[in-house]
């Protein structure tokens, strides 16, 4: 395994439904439903890229009552590409 490879990119913000529509309009692909992040106030959708990498769309989970969402995506002024994660053994 090459540990310098991108594992995934994060795209999101205050509206996951809108983020999904934006990515669909840009790429012509509908992301699949991922799931909820219990206790973190977020949920996600996923889109496979290549070489095992993927795009994670993340936004607030309105079914959770939390003070602040994970990575504070609810405070972003708009959806955006905001983080990446590298592959590792950890």
PDB file of N, CA and C in Angstrom:
ATOM      1  N   UNK A   1       0.835  -1.185   0.000  1.00  0.00           N
ATOM      2  CA  UNK A   1       0.000   0.000   0.000  1.00  0.00           C
ATOM      3  C   UNK A   1       0.874   1.240   0.000  1.00  0.00           C
ATOM      4  N   UNK A   2       0.526   2.190  -0.825  1.00  0.00           N
ATOM      5  CA  UNK A   2       1.216   3.468  -0.857  1.00  0.00           C
ATOM      6  C   UNK A   2       0.525   4.401   0.137  1.00  0.00           C
ATOM      7  N   UNK A   3       1.215   4.774   1.205  1.00  0.00           N
ATOM      8  CA  UNK A   3       0.599   5.565   2.271  1.00  0.00           C
ATOM      9  C   UNK A   3       0.474   7.040   1.930  1.00  0.00           C
ATOM     10  N   UNK A   4       0.898   7.436   0.750  1.00  0.00           N
ATOM     11  CA  UNK A   4       0.765   8.821   0.323  1.00  0.00           C
ATOM     12  C   UNK A   4      -0.485   9.039  -0.525  1.00  0.00           C
ATOM     13  N   UNK A   5      -1.300   8.030  -0.657  1.00  0.00           N
ATOM     14  CA  UNK A   5      -2.498   8.135  -1.481  1.00  0.00           C
ATOM     15  C   UNK A   5      -3.641   8.790  -0.718  1.00  0.00           C
ATOM     16  N   UNK A   6      -4.491   9.479  -1.470  1.00  0.00           N
ATOM     17  CA  UNK A   6      -5.706  10.049  -0.896  1.00  0.00           C
ATOM     18  C   UNK A   6      -6.692   8.921  -0.601  1.00  0.00           C
ATOM     19  N   UNK A   7      -7.264   8.929   0.585  1.00  0.00           N
ATOM     20  CA  UNK A   7      -8.309   7.975   0.944  1.00  0.00           C
ATOM     21  C   UNK A   7      -9.664   8.532   0.528  1.00  0.00           C
ATOM     22  N   UNK A   8      -9.944   9.757   0.992  1.00  0.00           N
ATOM     23  CA  UNK A   8     -11.189  10.394   0.583  1.00  0.00           C
ATOM     24  C   UNK A   8     -11.128  11.909   0.710  1.00  0.00           C
ATOM     25  N   UNK A   9     -12.019  12.553  -0.043  1.00  0.00           N
ATOM     26  CA  UNK A   9     -12.187  13.999  -0.024  1.00  0.00           C
ATOM     27  C   UNK A   9     -13.515  14.288   0.660  1.00  0.00           C
ATOM     28  N   UNK A  10     -13.602  15.389   1.395  1.00  0.00           N
ATOM     29  CA  UNK A  10     -14.852  15.758   2.047  1.00  0.00           C
ATOM     30  C   UNK A  10     -15.418  17.018   1.420  1.00  0.00           C
ATOM     31  N   UNK A  11     -16.674  16.923   1.021  1.00  0.00           N
ATOM     32  CA  UNK A  11     -17.415  18.038   0.437  1.00  0.00           C
ATOM     33  C   UNK A  11     -18.692  18.176   1.240  1.00  0.00           C
ATOM     34  N   UNK A  12     -18.959  19.340   1.759  1.00  0.00           N
ATOM     35  CA  UNK A  12     -20.189  19.494   2.515  1.00  0.00           C
ATOM     36  C   UNK A  12     -20.364  20.868   3.073  1.00  0.00           C
ATOM     37  N   UNK A  13     -21.332  20.958   3.948  1.00  0.00           N
ATOM     38  CA  UNK A  13     -21.682  22.223   4.553  1.00  0.00           C
ATOM     39  C   UNK A  13     -23.043  22.139   5.190  1.00  0.00           C
ATOM     40  N   UNK A  14     -23.784  23.236   5.143  1.00  0.00           N
ATOM     41  CA  UNK A  14     -25.031  23.315   5.884  1.00  0.00           C
ATOM     42  C   UNK A  14     -26.206  22.536   5.298  1.00  0.00           C
ATOM     43  N   UNK A  15     -26.096  21.999   4.082  1.00  0.00           N
ATOM     44  CA  UNK A  15     -27.234  21.344   3.437  1.00  0.00           C
ATOM     45  C   UNK A  15     -26.767  20.142   2.610  1.00  0.00           C
ATOM     46  N   UNK A  16     -26.905  18.946   3.170  1.00  0.00           N
ATOM     47  CA  UNK A  16     -26.449  17.731   2.481  1.00  0.00           C
ATOM     48  C   UNK A  16     -27.266  17.460   1.218  1.00  0.00           C
ATOM     49  N   UNK A  17     -28.560  17.715   1.257  1.00  0.00           N
ATOM     50  CA  UNK A  17     -29.386  17.489   0.067  1.00  0.00           C
ATOM     51  C   UNK A  17     -28.917  18.370  -1.086  1.00  0.00           C
ATOM     52  N   UNK A  18     -28.638  19.625  -0.784  1.00  0.00           N
ATOM     53  CA  UNK A  18     -28.134  20.531  -1.817  1.00  0.00           C
ATOM     54  C   UNK A  18     -26.743  20.100  -2.284  1.00  0.00           C
ATOM     55  N   UNK A  19     -25.894  19.668  -1.368  1.00  0.00           N
ATOM     56  CA  UNK A  19     -24.553  19.196  -1.733  1.00  0.00           C
ATOM     57  C   UNK A  19     -24.656  18.034  -2.725  1.00  0.00           C
ATOM     58  N   UNK A  20     -25.572  17.119  -2.464  1.00  0.00           N
ATOM     59  CA  UNK A  20     -25.767  15.974  -3.355  1.00  0.00           C
ATOM     60  C   UNK A  20     -26.221  16.432  -4.743  1.00  0.00           C
ATOM     61  N   UNK A  21     -27.134  17.405  -4.785  1.00  0.00           N
ATOM     62  CA  UNK A  21     -27.598  17.937  -6.064  1.00  0.00           C
ATOM     63  C   UNK A  21     -26.471  18.662  -6.808  1.00  0.00           C
ATOM     64  N   UNK A  22     -25.634  19.380  -6.066  1.00  0.00           N
ATOM     65  CA  UNK A  22     -24.507  20.091  -6.682  1.00  0.00           C
ATOM     66  C   UNK A  22     -23.529  19.112  -7.319  1.00  0.00           C
ATOM     67  N   UNK A  23     -23.188  18.056  -6.602  1.00  0.00           N
ATOM     68  CA  UNK A  23     -22.251  17.052  -7.127  1.00  0.00           C
ATOM     69  C   UNK A  23     -22.866  16.325  -8.317  1.00  0.00           C
ATOM     70  N   UNK A  24     -24.149  16.022  -8.231  1.00  0.00           N
ATOM     71  CA  UNK A  24     -24.823  15.374  -9.359  1.00  0.00           C
ATOM     72  C   UNK A  24     -24.778  16.267 -10.589  1.00  0.00           C
ATOM     73  N   UNK A  25     -25.010  17.565 -10.423  1.00  0.00           N
ATOM     74  CA  UNK A  25     -24.980  18.495 -11.556  1.00  0.00           C
ATOM     75  C   UNK A  25     -23.573  18.615 -12.141  1.00  0.00           C
ATOM     76  N   UNK A  26     -22.563  18.603 -11.287  1.00  0.00           N
ATOM     77  CA  UNK A  26     -21.179  18.737 -11.750  1.00  0.00           C
ATOM     78  C   UNK A  26     -20.635  17.469 -12.397  1.00  0.00           C
ATOM     79  N   UNK A  27     -20.988  16.313 -11.817  1.00  0.00           N
ATOM     80  CA  UNK A  27     -20.376  15.064 -12.248  1.00  0.00           C
ATOM     81  C   UNK A  27     -21.319  14.127 -12.992  1.00  0.00           C
ATOM     82  N   UNK A  28     -22.614  14.392 -12.912  1.00  0.00           N
ATOM     83  CA  UNK A  28     -23.575  13.523 -13.572  1.00  0.00           C
ATOM     84  C   UNK A  28     -23.762  12.188 -12.871  1.00  0.00           C
ATOM     85  N   UNK A  29     -23.434  12.129 -11.600  1.00  0.00           N
ATOM     86  CA  UNK A  29     -23.535  10.893 -10.819  1.00  0.00           C
ATOM     87  C   UNK A  29     -24.275  11.201  -9.525  1.00  0.00           C
ATOM     88  N   UNK A  30     -25.169  10.310  -9.126  1.00  0.00           N
ATOM     89  CA  UNK A  30     -25.904  10.475  -7.879  1.00  0.00           C
ATOM     90  C   UNK A  30     -25.150   9.747  -6.762  1.00  0.00           C
ATOM     91  N   UNK A  31     -24.733  10.457  -5.718  1.00  0.00           N
ATOM     92  CA  UNK A  31     -24.069   9.798  -4.585  1.00  0.00           C
ATOM     93  C   UNK A  31     -25.032   8.833  -3.887  1.00  0.00           C
ATOM     94  N   UNK A  32     -24.480   7.798  -3.278  1.00  0.00           N
ATOM     95  CA  UNK A  32     -25.315   6.849  -2.539  1.00  0.00           C
ATOM     96  C   UNK A  32     -25.420   7.278  -1.076  1.00  0.00           C
ATOM     97  N   UNK A  33     -26.510   6.895  -0.448  1.00  0.00           N
ATOM     98  CA  UNK A  33     -26.700   7.205   0.965  1.00  0.00           C
ATOM     99  C   UNK A  33     -25.655   6.463   1.782  1.00  0.00           C
ATOM    100  N   UNK A  34     -24.994   7.192   2.650  1.00  0.00           N
ATOM    101  CA  UNK A  34     -24.025   6.587   3.562  1.00  0.00           C
ATOM    102  C   UNK A  34     -24.719   6.253   4.863  1.00  0.00           C
ATOM    103  N   UNK A  35     -24.711   7.206   5.777  1.00  0.00           N
ATOM    104  CA  UNK A  35     -25.373   6.976   7.049  1.00  0.00           C
ATOM    105  C   UNK A  35     -25.193   8.147   7.980  1.00  0.00           C
ATOM    106  N   UNK A  36     -25.644   7.927   9.188  1.00  0.00           N
ATOM    107  CA  UNK A  36     -25.587   8.939  10.227  1.00  0.00           C
ATOM    108  C   UNK A  36     -24.342   8.725  11.085  1.00  0.00           C
ATOM    109  N   UNK A  37     -23.842   9.813  11.648  1.00  0.00           N
ATOM    110  CA  UNK A  37     -22.721   9.744  12.592  1.00  0.00           C
ATOM    111  C   UNK A  37     -23.304  10.027  13.979  1.00  0.00           C
ATOM    112  N   UNK A  38     -23.726   8.981  14.697  1.00  0.00           N
ATOM    113  CA  UNK A  38     -24.399   9.164  15.984  1.00  0.00           C
ATOM    114  C   UNK A  38     -23.589  10.018  16.966  1.00  0.00           C
ATOM    115  N   UNK A  39     -24.262  10.999  17.559  1.00  0.00           N
ATOM    116  CA  UNK A  39     -23.642  11.870  18.543  1.00  0.00           C
ATOM    117  C   UNK A  39     -22.829  13.005  17.953  1.00  0.00           C
ATOM    118  N   UNK A  40     -22.639  12.976  16.628  1.00  0.00           N
ATOM    119  CA  UNK A  40     -21.836  14.026  15.978  1.00  0.00           C
ATOM    120  C   UNK A  40     -22.686  15.007  15.184  1.00  0.00           C
ATOM    121  N   UNK A  41     -23.973  14.704  15.046  1.00  0.00           N
ATOM    122  CA  UNK A  41     -24.881  15.621  14.381  1.00  0.00           C
ATOM    123  C   UNK A  41     -24.765  15.685  12.874  1.00  0.00           C
ATOM    124  N   UNK A  42     -24.118  14.700  12.255  1.00  0.00           N
ATOM    125  CA  UNK A  42     -23.945  14.710  10.800  1.00  0.00           C
ATOM    126  C   UNK A  42     -24.385  13.392  10.177  1.00  0.00           C
ATOM    127  N   UNK A  43     -24.576  13.448   8.884  1.00  0.00           N
ATOM    128  CA  UNK A  43     -24.839  12.257   8.071  1.00  0.00           C
ATOM    129  C   UNK A  43     -24.088  12.447   6.760  1.00  0.00           C
ATOM    130  N   UNK A  44     -23.977  11.369   5.972  1.00  0.00           N
ATOM    131  CA  UNK A  44     -23.196  11.505   4.743  1.00  0.00           C
ATOM    132  C   UNK A  44     -23.777  10.738   3.575  1.00  0.00           C
ATOM    133  N   UNK A  45     -23.235  11.045   2.422  1.00  0.00           N
ATOM    134  CA  UNK A  45     -23.464  10.312   1.179  1.00  0.00           C
ATOM    135  C   UNK A  45     -22.083  10.077   0.578  1.00  0.00           C
ATOM    136  N   UNK A  46     -21.968   9.064  -0.271  1.00  0.00           N
ATOM    137  CA  UNK A  46     -20.660   8.657  -0.790  1.00  0.00           C
ATOM    138  C   UNK A  46     -20.675   8.509  -2.301  1.00  0.00           C
ATOM    139  N   UNK A  47     -19.515   8.766  -2.879  1.00  0.00           N
ATOM    140  CA  UNK A  47     -19.347   8.643  -4.321  1.00  0.00           C
ATOM    141  C   UNK A  47     -17.959   8.072  -4.580  1.00  0.00           C
ATOM    142  N   UNK A  48     -17.883   6.880  -5.183  1.00  0.00           N
ATOM    143  CA  UNK A  48     -16.603   6.266  -5.496  1.00  0.00           C
ATOM    144  C   UNK A  48     -15.863   7.042  -6.567  1.00  0.00           C
ATOM    145  N   UNK A  49     -14.575   7.189  -6.403  1.00  0.00           N
ATOM    146  CA  UNK A  49     -13.727   7.864  -7.383  1.00  0.00           C
ATOM    147  C   UNK A  49     -12.899   6.807  -8.097  1.00  0.00           C
ATOM    148  N   UNK A  50     -11.600   6.754  -7.866  1.00  0.00           N
ATOM    149  CA  UNK A  50     -10.775   5.712  -8.470  1.00  0.00           C
ATOM    150  C   UNK A  50      -9.684   5.313  -7.494  1.00  0.00           C
ATOM    151  N   UNK A  51      -9.057   4.182  -7.743  1.00  0.00           N
ATOM    152  CA  UNK A  51      -7.977   3.664  -6.899  1.00  0.00           C
ATOM    153  C   UNK A  51      -8.403   3.545  -5.438  1.00  0.00           C
ATOM    154  N   UNK A  52      -9.674   3.216  -5.210  1.00  0.00           N
ATOM    155  CA  UNK A  52     -10.181   3.035  -3.856  1.00  0.00           C
ATOM    156  C   UNK A  52     -10.526   4.323  -3.128  1.00  0.00           C
ATOM    157  N   UNK A  53     -10.324   5.462  -3.751  1.00  0.00           N
ATOM    158  CA  UNK A  53     -10.651   6.741  -3.118  1.00  0.00           C
ATOM    159  C   UNK A  53     -12.141   7.042  -3.309  1.00  0.00           C
ATOM    160  N   UNK A  54     -12.658   7.900  -2.471  1.00  0.00           N
ATOM    161  CA  UNK A  54     -14.054   8.282  -2.595  1.00  0.00           C
ATOM    162  C   UNK A  54     -14.274   9.724  -2.152  1.00  0.00           C
ATOM    163  N   UNK A  55     -15.413  10.257  -2.560  1.00  0.00           N
ATOM    164  CA  UNK A  55     -15.850  11.586  -2.161  1.00  0.00           C
ATOM    165  C   UNK A  55     -16.928  11.390  -1.105  1.00  0.00           C
ATOM    166  N   UNK A  56     -16.740  11.994   0.054  1.00  0.00           N
ATOM    167  CA  UNK A  56     -17.744  11.940   1.113  1.00  0.00           C
ATOM    168  C   UNK A  56     -18.447  13.289   1.171  1.00  0.00           C
ATOM    169  N   UNK A  57     -19.749  13.263   0.984  1.00  0.00           N
ATOM    170  CA  UNK A  57     -20.571  14.452   1.154  1.00  0.00           C
ATOM    171  C   UNK A  57     -21.091  14.413   2.576  1.00  0.00           C
ATOM    172  N   UNK A  58     -20.951  15.509   3.304  1.00  0.00           N
ATOM    173  CA  UNK A  58     -21.335  15.513   4.713  1.00  0.00           C
ATOM    174  C   UNK A  58     -22.118  16.776   5.046  1.00  0.00           C
ATOM    175  N   UNK A  59     -23.126  16.607   5.877  1.00  0.00           N
ATOM    176  CA  UNK A  59     -23.954  17.731   6.299  1.00  0.00           C
ATOM    177  C   UNK A  59     -24.675  17.410   7.583  1.00  0.00           C
ATOM    178  N   UNK A  60     -25.378  18.379   8.132  1.00  0.00           N
ATOM    179  CA  UNK A  60     -26.098  18.169   9.382  1.00  0.00           C
ATOM    180  C   UNK A  60     -27.157  17.073   9.267  1.00  0.00           C
ATOM    181  N   UNK A  61     -27.309  16.327  10.328  1.00  0.00           N
ATOM    182  CA  UNK A  61     -28.360  15.316  10.448  1.00  0.00           C
ATOM    183  C   UNK A  61     -29.447  15.937  11.316  1.00  0.00           C
ATOM    184  N   UNK A  62     -30.537  16.336  10.699  1.00  0.00           N
ATOM    185  CA  UNK A  62     -31.592  17.042  11.422  1.00  0.00           C
ATOM    186  C   UNK A  62     -32.320  16.171  12.445  1.00  0.00           C
ATOM    187  N   UNK A  63     -32.060  14.868  12.441  1.00  0.00           N
ATOM    188  CA  UNK A  63     -32.693  13.970  13.411  1.00  0.00           C
ATOM    189  C   UNK A  63     -31.895  13.874  14.703  1.00  0.00           C
ATOM    190  N   UNK A  64     -30.750  14.512  14.751  1.00  0.00           N
ATOM    191  CA  UNK A  64     -29.921  14.498  15.958  1.00  0.00           C
ATOM    192  C   UNK A  64     -29.963  15.863  16.637  1.00  0.00           C
ATOM    193  N   UNK A  65     -29.989  15.848  17.953  1.00  0.00           N
ATOM    194  CA  UNK A  65     -29.960  17.072  18.754  1.00  0.00           C
ATOM    195  C   UNK A  65     -28.552  17.224  19.314  1.00  0.00           C
ATOM    196  N   UNK A  66     -27.750  18.092  18.701  1.00  0.00           N
ATOM    197  CA  UNK A  66     -26.392  18.348  19.178  1.00  0.00           C
ATOM    198  C   UNK A  66     -26.155  19.858  19.218  1.00  0.00           C
ATOM    199  N   UNK A  67     -25.207  20.276  20.047  1.00  0.00           N
ATOM    200  CA  UNK A  67     -24.875  21.697  20.152  1.00  0.00           C
ATOM    201  C   UNK A  67     -24.162  22.171  18.900  1.00  0.00           C
ATOM    202  N   UNK A  68     -23.215  21.376  18.413  1.00  0.00           N
ATOM    203  CA  UNK A  68     -22.461  21.722  17.212  1.00  0.00           C
ATOM    204  C   UNK A  68     -22.179  20.451  16.430  1.00  0.00           C
ATOM    205  N   UNK A  69     -22.238  20.535  15.115  1.00  0.00           N
ATOM    206  CA  UNK A  69     -21.992  19.356  14.291  1.00  0.00           C
ATOM    207  C   UNK A  69     -20.502  19.047  14.200  1.00  0.00           C
ATOM    208  N   UNK A  70     -20.218  17.811  13.851  1.00  0.00           N
ATOM    209  CA  UNK A  70     -18.847  17.358  13.631  1.00  0.00           C
ATOM    210  C   UNK A  70     -18.223  18.231  12.549  1.00  0.00           C
ATOM    211  N   UNK A  71     -17.043  18.710  12.784  1.00  0.00           N
ATOM    212  CA  UNK A  71     -16.288  19.581  11.883  1.00  0.00           C
ATOM    213  C   UNK A  71     -17.015  20.902  11.619  1.00  0.00           C
ATOM    214  N   UNK A  72     -18.053  21.159  12.406  1.00  0.00           N
ATOM    215  CA  UNK A  72     -18.838  22.401  12.336  1.00  0.00           C
ATOM    216  C   UNK A  72     -19.335  22.720  10.927  1.00  0.00           C
ATOM    217  N   UNK A  73     -19.729  21.682  10.189  1.00  0.00           N
ATOM    218  CA  UNK A  73     -20.200  21.889   8.816  1.00  0.00           C
ATOM    219  C   UNK A  73     -21.460  22.741   8.759  1.00  0.00           C
ATOM    220  N   UNK A  74     -22.240  22.745   9.826  1.00  0.00           N
ATOM    221  CA  UNK A  74     -23.457  23.555   9.848  1.00  0.00           C
ATOM    222  C   UNK A  74     -23.155  25.055   9.859  1.00  0.00           C
ATOM    223  N   UNK A  75     -21.917  25.426  10.179  1.00  0.00           N
ATOM    224  CA  UNK A  75     -21.527  26.835  10.245  1.00  0.00           C
ATOM    225  C   UNK A  75     -20.877  27.339   8.953  1.00  0.00           C
ATOM    226  N   UNK A  76     -20.639  26.461   7.987  1.00  0.00           N
ATOM    227  CA  UNK A  76     -20.089  26.895   6.706  1.00  0.00           C
ATOM    228  C   UNK A  76     -21.117  27.794   6.017  1.00  0.00           C
ATOM    229  N   UNK A  77     -20.679  28.842   5.322  1.00  0.00           N
ATOM    230  CA  UNK A  77     -21.639  29.705   4.622  1.00  0.00           C
ATOM    231  C   UNK A  77     -22.300  29.009   3.429  1.00  0.00           C
ATOM    232  N   UNK A  78     -21.617  28.004   2.873  1.00  0.00           N
ATOM    233  CA  UNK A  78     -22.152  27.232   1.744  1.00  0.00           C
ATOM    234  C   UNK A  78     -21.415  25.908   1.671  1.00  0.00           C
ATOM    235  N   UNK A  79     -21.943  24.982   0.881  1.00  0.00           N
ATOM    236  CA  UNK A  79     -21.264  23.702   0.683  1.00  0.00           C
ATOM    237  C   UNK A  79     -19.955  23.937  -0.055  1.00  0.00           C
ATOM    238  N   UNK A  80     -18.929  23.142   0.296  1.00  0.00           N
ATOM    239  CA  UNK A  80     -17.622  23.306  -0.338  1.00  0.00           C
ATOM    240  C   UNK A  80     -16.751  22.080  -0.086  1.00  0.00           C
ATOM    241  N   UNK A  81     -15.718  21.937  -0.892  1.00  0.00           N
ATOM    242  CA  UNK A  81     -14.689  20.938  -0.660  1.00  0.00           C
ATOM    243  C   UNK A  81     -13.817  21.499   0.455  1.00  0.00           C
ATOM    244  N   UNK A  82     -13.693  20.785   1.574  1.00  0.00           N
ATOM    245  CA  UNK A  82     -13.019  21.392   2.713  1.00  0.00           C
ATOM    246  C   UNK A  82     -11.963  20.538   3.399  1.00  0.00           C
ATOM    247  N   UNK A  83     -11.808  19.291   3.043  1.00  0.00           N
ATOM    248  CA  UNK A  83     -10.827  18.469   3.739  1.00  0.00           C
ATOM    249  C   UNK A  83     -10.510  17.237   2.917  1.00  0.00           C
ATOM    250  N   UNK A  84      -9.371  16.640   3.177  1.00  0.00           N
ATOM    251  CA  UNK A  84      -9.000  15.385   2.565  1.00  0.00           C
ATOM    252  C   UNK A  84      -8.386  14.489   3.646  1.00  0.00           C
ATOM    253  N   UNK A  85      -8.376  13.206   3.385  1.00  0.00           N
ATOM    254  CA  UNK A  85      -7.781  12.245   4.322  1.00  0.00           C
ATOM    255  C   UNK A  85      -6.867  11.310   3.540  1.00  0.00           C
ATOM    256  N   UNK A  86      -5.695  11.051   4.092  1.00  0.00           N
ATOM    257  CA  UNK A  86      -4.717  10.155   3.457  1.00  0.00           C
ATOM    258  C   UNK A  86      -4.924   8.726   3.991  1.00  0.00           C
ATOM    259  N   UNK A  87      -4.559   7.758   3.173  1.00  0.00           N
ATOM    260  CA  UNK A  87      -4.592   6.361   3.609  1.00  0.00           C
ATOM    261  C   UNK A  87      -3.465   6.131   4.598  1.00  0.00           C
ATOM    262  N   UNK A  88      -3.727   5.268   5.572  1.00  0.00           N
ATOM    263  CA  UNK A  88      -2.696   4.906   6.541  1.00  0.00           C
ATOM    264  C   UNK A  88      -3.053   3.579   7.195  1.00  0.00           C
ATOM    265  N   UNK A  89      -2.167   3.090   8.012  1.00  0.00           N
ATOM    266  CA  UNK A  89      -2.441   1.872   8.778  1.00  0.00           C
ATOM    267  C   UNK A  89      -3.282   2.149  10.004  1.00  0.00           C
ATOM    268  N   UNK A  90      -3.387   3.394  10.411  1.00  0.00           N
ATOM    269  CA  UNK A  90      -4.097   3.752  11.640  1.00  0.00           C
ATOM    270  C   UNK A  90      -5.560   3.993  11.371  1.00  0.00           C
TER     271      UNK A  90
END
